[in-house]
């Protein structure tokens, strides 16, 4: 499996270097991707829980906002 590429652009010389990630960079990249996926899953669960609560209470999101003012 090939690793993602990294582009380095030296603006002082306008030189562009494309290279494959090192093992360390790739491990950090994978860890970041897992963190992003976990945060997205958590946010989706929070939204689903909010929607379920609103349904259980029988109110709309706008009505809930009025209650919190």
N, C-alpha and C. Protein backbone atom coordinates (compact mmCIF):
# COMPACT_ATOMS: atom_id res chain seq x y z
N UNK A 1 0.85 -1.18 0.00
CA UNK A 1 0.00 0.00 0.00
C UNK A 1 0.89 1.24 0.00
N UNK A 2 0.56 2.17 -0.85
CA UNK A 2 1.34 3.40 -0.89
C UNK A 2 0.80 4.37 0.14
N UNK A 3 1.68 5.15 0.68
CA UNK A 3 1.30 6.15 1.68
C UNK A 3 0.93 7.45 0.96
N UNK A 4 0.16 8.31 1.64
CA UNK A 4 -0.17 9.60 1.04
C UNK A 4 1.10 10.41 0.74
N UNK A 5 0.95 11.33 -0.19
CA UNK A 5 2.07 12.17 -0.59
C UNK A 5 2.07 13.47 0.20
N UNK A 6 3.26 14.00 0.37
CA UNK A 6 3.45 15.32 0.99
C UNK A 6 4.08 16.22 -0.05
N UNK A 7 3.56 17.43 -0.15
CA UNK A 7 4.12 18.42 -1.08
C UNK A 7 4.80 19.50 -0.26
N UNK A 8 6.05 19.75 -0.56
CA UNK A 8 6.82 20.80 0.09
C UNK A 8 7.15 21.84 -0.97
N UNK A 9 6.75 23.08 -0.67
CA UNK A 9 6.99 24.16 -1.62
C UNK A 9 7.89 25.20 -0.96
N UNK A 10 9.10 25.29 -1.45
CA UNK A 10 10.05 26.29 -0.96
C UNK A 10 9.79 27.57 -1.74
N UNK A 11 9.14 28.53 -1.08
CA UNK A 11 8.76 29.76 -1.79
C UNK A 11 9.95 30.65 -2.13
N UNK A 12 11.04 30.48 -1.41
CA UNK A 12 12.20 31.33 -1.72
C UNK A 12 12.87 30.90 -3.03
N UNK A 13 12.82 29.60 -3.35
CA UNK A 13 13.42 29.11 -4.60
C UNK A 13 12.38 28.65 -5.60
N UNK A 14 11.11 28.62 -5.18
CA UNK A 14 9.99 28.13 -5.97
C UNK A 14 10.15 26.65 -6.34
N UNK A 15 10.92 25.93 -5.54
CA UNK A 15 11.11 24.50 -5.76
C UNK A 15 9.96 23.73 -5.08
N UNK A 16 9.42 22.75 -5.80
CA UNK A 16 8.34 21.92 -5.28
C UNK A 16 8.84 20.48 -5.21
N UNK A 17 8.69 19.88 -4.03
CA UNK A 17 9.11 18.50 -3.83
C UNK A 17 7.89 17.69 -3.39
N UNK A 18 7.59 16.64 -4.12
CA UNK A 18 6.54 15.70 -3.74
C UNK A 18 7.21 14.42 -3.28
N UNK A 19 6.81 13.96 -2.07
CA UNK A 19 7.39 12.73 -1.55
C UNK A 19 6.35 11.97 -0.75
N UNK A 20 6.61 10.69 -0.57
CA UNK A 20 5.72 9.85 0.22
C UNK A 20 5.97 10.12 1.71
N UNK A 21 4.91 10.01 2.53
CA UNK A 21 5.06 10.21 3.97
C UNK A 21 6.04 9.19 4.55
N UNK A 22 6.76 9.61 5.57
CA UNK A 22 7.60 8.67 6.31
C UNK A 22 6.68 7.81 7.20
N UNK A 23 7.23 6.77 7.77
CA UNK A 23 6.43 5.90 8.66
C UNK A 23 5.87 6.69 9.84
N UNK A 24 6.68 7.59 10.41
CA UNK A 24 6.24 8.39 11.55
C UNK A 24 5.13 9.35 11.15
N UNK A 25 5.29 10.00 10.01
CA UNK A 25 4.26 10.93 9.52
C UNK A 25 2.96 10.18 9.22
N UNK A 26 3.10 8.99 8.65
CA UNK A 26 1.91 8.21 8.31
C UNK A 26 1.19 7.74 9.57
N UNK A 27 1.93 7.34 10.59
CA UNK A 27 1.31 6.92 11.86
C UNK A 27 0.55 8.09 12.49
N UNK A 28 1.15 9.28 12.47
CA UNK A 28 0.49 10.47 13.01
C UNK A 28 -0.75 10.81 12.18
N UNK A 29 -0.65 10.68 10.86
CA UNK A 29 -1.78 10.93 9.97
C UNK A 29 -2.93 9.99 10.28
N UNK A 30 -2.63 8.70 10.46
CA UNK A 30 -3.67 7.72 10.78
C UNK A 30 -4.32 8.02 12.13
N UNK A 31 -3.51 8.38 13.11
CA UNK A 31 -4.05 8.71 14.43
C UNK A 31 -4.97 9.92 14.34
N UNK A 32 -4.58 10.92 13.56
CA UNK A 32 -5.42 12.10 13.37
C UNK A 32 -6.74 11.74 12.69
N UNK A 33 -6.68 10.85 11.70
CA UNK A 33 -7.89 10.43 10.99
C UNK A 33 -8.83 9.69 11.93
N UNK A 34 -8.28 8.85 12.81
CA UNK A 34 -9.11 8.13 13.78
C UNK A 34 -9.76 9.10 14.77
N UNK A 35 -9.01 10.12 15.18
CA UNK A 35 -9.55 11.12 16.10
C UNK A 35 -10.69 11.90 15.45
N UNK A 36 -10.51 12.29 14.21
CA UNK A 36 -11.55 13.02 13.48
C UNK A 36 -12.79 12.15 13.34
N UNK A 37 -12.62 10.88 13.01
CA UNK A 37 -13.76 9.98 12.86
C UNK A 37 -14.50 9.81 14.19
N UNK A 38 -13.75 9.69 15.29
CA UNK A 38 -14.38 9.54 16.60
C UNK A 38 -15.16 10.80 16.99
N UNK A 39 -14.59 11.97 16.71
CA UNK A 39 -15.27 13.23 17.02
C UNK A 39 -16.54 13.38 16.18
N UNK A 40 -16.46 12.97 14.91
CA UNK A 40 -17.63 13.05 14.04
C UNK A 40 -18.73 12.12 14.55
N UNK A 41 -18.34 10.90 14.94
CA UNK A 41 -19.32 9.94 15.46
C UNK A 41 -19.97 10.47 16.74
N UNK A 42 -19.18 11.10 17.60
CA UNK A 42 -19.71 11.66 18.85
C UNK A 42 -20.70 12.78 18.54
N UNK A 43 -20.35 13.66 17.61
CA UNK A 43 -21.23 14.77 17.24
C UNK A 43 -22.54 14.26 16.64
N UNK A 44 -22.45 13.20 15.82
CA UNK A 44 -23.66 12.63 15.23
C UNK A 44 -24.55 12.03 16.31
N UNK A 45 -23.96 11.40 17.32
CA UNK A 45 -24.73 10.81 18.41
C UNK A 45 -25.43 11.91 19.22
N UNK A 46 -24.72 13.00 19.48
CA UNK A 46 -25.32 14.11 20.22
C UNK A 46 -26.53 14.66 19.46
N UNK A 47 -26.38 14.84 18.16
CA UNK A 47 -27.49 15.36 17.35
C UNK A 47 -28.66 14.38 17.34
N UNK A 48 -28.38 13.09 17.24
CA UNK A 48 -29.45 12.08 17.26
C UNK A 48 -30.15 12.07 18.61
N UNK A 49 -29.37 12.21 19.68
CA UNK A 49 -29.96 12.25 21.03
C UNK A 49 -30.85 13.48 21.20
N UNK A 50 -30.41 14.63 20.67
CA UNK A 50 -31.22 15.84 20.75
C UNK A 50 -32.53 15.67 19.99
N UNK A 51 -32.44 15.11 18.79
CA UNK A 51 -33.64 14.90 17.99
C UNK A 51 -34.59 13.94 18.68
N UNK A 52 -34.06 12.89 19.28
CA UNK A 52 -34.90 11.92 19.99
C UNK A 52 -35.59 12.58 21.19
N UNK A 53 -34.86 13.42 21.90
CA UNK A 53 -35.45 14.11 23.05
C UNK A 53 -36.56 15.07 22.62
N UNK A 54 -36.31 15.81 21.55
CA UNK A 54 -37.34 16.72 21.05
C UNK A 54 -38.58 15.96 20.63
N UNK A 55 -38.39 14.82 19.99
CA UNK A 55 -39.52 13.99 19.58
C UNK A 55 -40.26 13.47 20.80
N UNK A 56 -39.52 13.03 21.80
CA UNK A 56 -40.13 12.51 23.03
C UNK A 56 -40.95 13.60 23.74
N UNK A 57 -40.42 14.83 23.72
CA UNK A 57 -41.11 15.95 24.36
C UNK A 57 -42.24 16.49 23.48
N UNK A 58 -42.19 16.16 22.20
CA UNK A 58 -43.22 16.63 21.27
C UNK A 58 -43.09 18.10 20.93
N UNK A 59 -41.85 18.61 20.88
CA UNK A 59 -41.64 20.02 20.54
C UNK A 59 -40.67 20.13 19.38
N UNK A 60 -40.69 21.28 18.74
CA UNK A 60 -39.78 21.54 17.63
C UNK A 60 -38.49 22.16 18.16
N UNK A 61 -37.43 22.18 17.35
CA UNK A 61 -36.19 22.84 17.78
C UNK A 61 -36.41 24.32 18.11
N UNK A 62 -37.27 25.00 17.35
CA UNK A 62 -37.55 26.41 17.63
C UNK A 62 -38.24 26.59 18.98
N UNK A 63 -39.14 25.68 19.30
CA UNK A 63 -39.81 25.74 20.61
C UNK A 63 -38.82 25.48 21.75
N UNK A 64 -37.89 24.58 21.53
CA UNK A 64 -36.87 24.29 22.53
C UNK A 64 -36.00 25.53 22.76
N UNK A 65 -35.68 26.25 21.70
CA UNK A 65 -34.88 27.47 21.85
C UNK A 65 -35.63 28.51 22.67
N UNK A 66 -36.93 28.59 22.46
CA UNK A 66 -37.73 29.54 23.24
C UNK A 66 -37.69 29.20 24.73
N UNK A 67 -37.69 27.93 25.06
CA UNK A 67 -37.65 27.50 26.45
C UNK A 67 -36.33 27.86 27.12
N UNK A 68 -35.26 27.93 26.34
CA UNK A 68 -33.93 28.19 26.89
C UNK A 68 -33.57 29.66 26.94
N UNK A 69 -34.44 30.51 26.49
CA UNK A 69 -34.15 31.96 26.50
C UNK A 69 -34.41 32.55 27.85
